[in-house]
Protein backbone atom coordinates (compact mmCIF):
# COMPACT_ATOMS: atom_id res chain seq x y z
CA MET A 1 -1.29 20.74 -1.83
CA ASN A 2 2.29 22.00 -1.66
CA SER A 3 5.41 19.94 -2.26
CA SER A 4 6.40 19.80 1.41
CA ALA A 5 3.05 18.21 2.33
CA ILE A 6 3.38 15.70 -0.52
CA LEU A 7 6.90 14.83 0.52
CA TYR A 8 5.77 14.37 4.12
CA PHE A 9 3.16 11.89 2.87
CA ALA A 10 5.78 9.96 0.89
CA LYS A 11 8.20 9.82 3.81
CA THR A 12 5.49 8.81 6.27
CA ILE A 13 4.01 5.99 4.21
CA SER A 14 7.47 4.55 3.54
CA GLY A 15 8.48 1.99 6.11
CA CYS A 16 7.93 -1.39 7.70
CA PHE A 17 4.94 -1.86 9.98
CA SER A 18 4.25 -4.86 12.22
CA ASN A 19 1.13 -5.92 14.14
CA LEU A 20 3.24 -7.84 16.68
CA GLN A 21 1.46 -6.31 19.67
CA GLN A 22 -1.99 -7.14 18.30
CA ALA A 23 -0.98 -10.70 17.41
CA GLN A 24 0.50 -11.31 20.86
CA ALA A 25 -2.57 -9.91 22.62
CA GLU A 26 -5.08 -11.95 20.57
CA PRO A 27 -3.22 -14.82 18.87
CA SER A 28 -6.43 -16.72 18.13
CA LYS A 29 -7.73 -13.81 16.05
CA PHE A 30 -4.68 -12.24 14.44
CA SER A 31 -1.58 -13.64 12.76
CA ARG A 32 1.64 -11.68 12.92
CA ILE A 33 1.97 -9.69 9.68
CA ASN A 34 4.55 -7.29 8.29
CA ILE A 35 3.70 -4.53 5.80
CA PHE A 36 6.56 -3.12 3.74
CA PHE A 37 6.19 0.08 1.75
CA ARG A 38 9.38 1.04 -0.09
CA PRO A 39 9.92 4.06 -2.36
CA LEU A 40 11.45 3.01 -5.65
CA PRO A 41 14.55 4.83 -6.90
CA TRP A 42 13.43 7.65 -9.18
CA GLU A 43 15.23 6.09 -12.15
CA VAL A 44 13.04 2.96 -12.15
CA PHE A 45 9.91 4.66 -13.55
CA ARG A 46 11.12 8.28 -13.61
CA GLY A 47 8.58 9.42 -11.07
CA PRO A 48 7.27 8.86 -7.52
CA TRP A 49 6.58 5.12 -7.28
CA PHE A 50 6.49 2.61 -4.44
CA TYR A 51 6.72 -1.14 -4.02
CA SER A 52 4.70 -2.84 -1.30
CA GLU A 53 4.31 -6.32 0.08
CA GLN A 54 2.53 -7.96 2.97
CA SER A 55 3.69 -11.24 4.46
CA TYR A 56 3.25 -13.42 7.48
CA ASP A 57 6.20 -13.03 9.81
CA TYR A 58 6.97 -16.76 9.68
CA ASP A 59 7.10 -16.78 5.84
CA PRO A 60 8.73 -13.54 4.58
CA TRP A 61 9.74 -14.99 1.21
CA ARG A 62 6.19 -15.80 0.17
CA PRO A 63 4.25 -12.53 0.54
CA TYR A 64 0.51 -12.90 0.11
CA ARG A 65 0.22 -9.42 -1.44
CA GLN A 66 2.58 -7.42 -3.65
CA GLY A 67 2.03 -4.22 -5.58
CA LEU A 68 3.39 -1.17 -7.34
CA HIS A 69 1.94 2.26 -6.60
CA HIS A 70 2.18 5.58 -8.45
CA LEU A 71 1.66 8.75 -6.43
CA ILE A 72 -0.53 11.35 -8.19
CA VAL A 73 -1.27 14.82 -6.82
CA ALA A 74 -4.79 16.29 -6.97
CA ASP A 75 -6.12 19.62 -5.65
CA ASP A 76 -7.10 18.53 -2.15
CA HIS A 77 -5.99 14.92 -1.98
CA LEU A 78 -3.38 12.40 -3.09
CA LEU A 79 -4.15 9.50 -5.38
CA MET A 80 -2.22 6.25 -5.25
CA LEU A 81 -2.67 4.26 -8.46
CA ASN A 82 -2.32 0.52 -7.88
CA PHE A 83 -0.67 -2.05 -10.11
CA GLY A 84 -0.06 -5.75 -9.85
CA LEU A 85 3.27 -7.35 -10.74
CA ARG A 86 3.98 -9.72 -13.59
CA ASN A 87 6.47 -12.37 -12.42
CA ALA A 88 5.96 -11.22 -8.83
CA ILE A 89 8.03 -14.15 -7.57
CA ARG A 90 11.18 -12.31 -8.74
CA THR A 91 10.65 -9.57 -6.16
CA ALA A 92 9.16 -11.70 -3.36
CA GLY A 93 10.94 -10.73 -0.16
CA ALA A 94 12.06 -7.33 -1.48
CA GLY A 95 10.49 -5.69 1.56
CA SER A 96 13.52 -6.78 3.57
CA ARG A 97 15.87 -7.29 0.60
CA PRO A 98 15.47 -4.09 -1.47
CA GLU A 99 18.21 -5.12 -3.91
CA LEU A 100 15.59 -7.42 -5.47
CA LEU A 101 13.73 -4.33 -6.71
CA ALA A 102 16.43 -3.76 -9.33
CA SER A 103 14.76 -6.39 -11.53
CA ILE A 104 11.51 -4.40 -11.94
CA VAL A 105 10.86 -3.04 -15.45
CA ALA A 106 7.94 -1.13 -16.97
CA GLU A 107 6.49 -4.27 -18.58
CA ASP A 108 6.00 -5.77 -15.11
CA ARG A 109 3.19 -3.33 -14.28
CA LEU A 110 -0.32 -4.79 -14.41
CA PRO A 111 -3.02 -2.10 -13.99
CA ARG A 112 -5.63 -2.67 -11.30
CA PRO A 113 -8.55 -0.59 -12.62
CA GLY A 114 -10.88 0.85 -10.01
CA CYS A 115 -8.39 0.15 -7.20
CA ALA A 116 -6.73 3.54 -6.71
CA MET A 117 -6.55 4.79 -3.12
CA VAL A 118 -7.63 8.33 -2.28
CA PHE A 119 -5.72 9.88 0.64
CA ARG A 120 -6.39 13.02 2.65
CA GLN A 121 -4.49 14.43 5.59
CA LYS A 122 -6.25 14.65 8.94
CA GLN A 123 -5.94 17.49 11.44
CA ASP A 124 -3.54 15.47 13.60
CA GLY A 125 -1.15 15.07 10.66
CA SER A 126 -1.96 11.43 9.92
CA PHE A 127 -3.50 10.30 6.63
CA TRP A 128 -6.79 8.59 5.84
CA GLY A 129 -7.27 6.64 2.62
CA GLU A 130 -9.98 4.60 0.98
CA VAL A 131 -10.41 2.86 -2.35
CA GLU A 132 -11.82 5.08 -5.07
CA PRO A 133 -15.64 5.18 -5.33
CA GLY A 134 -17.56 3.07 -7.82
CA CYS A 135 -17.25 -0.48 -6.44
CA LYS A 136 -15.00 -1.43 -9.37
CA CYS A 137 -11.94 -2.85 -7.61
CA MET A 138 -12.68 -6.48 -8.38
CA ILE A 139 -10.98 -9.24 -6.38
CA PRO A 140 -11.51 -12.99 -6.93
CA ARG A 141 -12.14 -14.74 -3.63
CA ASP A 142 -13.17 -18.35 -2.96
CA GLY A 143 -14.14 -18.92 -6.58
CA ARG A 144 -16.26 -15.82 -7.00
CA LEU A 145 -15.68 -12.20 -7.99
CA THR A 146 -16.06 -9.58 -5.26
CA TYR A 147 -15.38 -5.88 -5.03
CA LEU A 148 -12.93 -4.53 -2.48
CA VAL A 149 -13.58 -1.85 0.11
CA SER A 150 -10.23 -0.89 1.60
CA GLU A 151 -9.55 1.69 4.33
CA ILE A 152 -6.15 2.78 5.67
CA GLU A 153 -5.02 5.23 8.31
CA PHE A 154 -1.32 5.79 8.91
CA GLY A 155 0.98 8.24 10.64
CA GLU A 156 4.48 8.55 12.00
CA ASP A 157 4.18 5.51 14.24
CA HIS A 158 1.10 3.54 13.20
CA TRP A 159 -0.81 1.89 10.38
CA VAL A 160 -4.42 0.70 10.65
CA SER A 161 -6.08 -1.11 7.76
CA ARG A 162 -9.31 -2.89 7.01
CA ASP A 163 -10.15 -4.79 3.81
CA ARG A 164 -13.59 -6.20 3.09
CA GLY A 165 -15.16 -7.87 0.07
CA PHE A 166 -18.74 -7.47 -1.17
CA ASP A 167 -20.98 -9.09 -3.75
CA PRO A 168 -21.05 -6.87 -6.88
CA SER A 169 -24.74 -7.61 -7.51
CA THR A 170 -26.28 -7.51 -4.03
CA HIS A 171 -23.55 -5.53 -2.19
CA ALA A 172 -23.75 -8.12 0.57
CA TYR A 173 -20.68 -8.49 2.79
CA LEU A 174 -18.70 -11.63 1.92
CA TRP A 175 -15.25 -11.56 3.53
CA GLY A 176 -12.65 -9.66 5.53
CA ALA A 177 -12.08 -7.86 8.83
CA GLU A 178 -14.10 -10.33 10.89
CA ASN A 179 -12.18 -9.41 14.04
CA GLY A 180 -11.81 -5.72 13.32
CA PRO A 181 -9.03 -3.76 11.63
CA LEU A 182 -5.38 -4.76 11.62
CA ARG A 183 -3.28 -2.46 13.84
CA PHE A 184 0.41 -2.02 13.13
CA SER A 185 3.31 -0.10 14.65
CA ARG A 186 6.25 1.20 12.66
CA SER A 187 9.49 -0.74 13.00
CA HIS A 188 11.56 0.94 10.24
CA ARG A 189 11.60 4.10 8.15
CA TYR A 190 12.51 3.88 4.45
CA GLY A 191 11.77 7.36 3.12
CA ASP A 192 13.96 9.79 5.02
CA HIS A 193 16.26 10.21 2.00
CA LEU A 194 13.47 11.39 -0.33
CA ASP A 195 13.59 14.93 -1.67
CA GLU A 196 11.46 17.11 -3.92
CA ALA A 197 13.24 15.93 -7.10
CA TRP A 198 11.97 12.40 -6.37
CA LEU A 199 8.38 13.68 -6.53
CA LEU A 200 8.65 14.92 -10.11
CA ASN A 201 7.56 12.92 -13.13
CA ASP A 202 10.48 12.87 -15.60
CA HIS A 203 11.82 15.92 -13.74
CA ALA A 204 8.95 18.02 -15.06
CA ILE A 205 5.88 18.87 -13.03
CA SER A 206 2.89 17.08 -14.51
């Protein structure tokens, strides 16, 4: 995968996406949600990293999901390593207030083993991603441990995601996506300033 394709991925995934249309069409099934995916300045971790958060539109300062993501290049796909955040409250709301990201340091990263996302580009130029195989992305839910199956498709103007949880022993479905996937439209772009230097780890190709 060449650098222009990787950079296109980084620019395309960076942005704010809202499911306003879906929530208005079926308010009994879907709450209005905003997804923020912001590229971190290269100097933060000296490589291609992102910050993400998801929040209900009525409560932007208390996101229900926050994460850090490291972009890794493989032969025929892109790998997004996922990390939690220690002291996540310090960056809550950084989706719309990016100056809050200045407080992030290396010690804040909490690895999420088994939770990397594998992305491949489709023929129409959009990207399809799913959690790495192995059923090892463990998520506590309602007092029990479950493994996550996550699927994402995104492009220039859209983001579609579906998260489901399964029992690690029986593989029985337990939670998530009861009314189908969440469907978002892009409202902002955050990655148009990115260049090839931003893609490099410590300014040396890894």
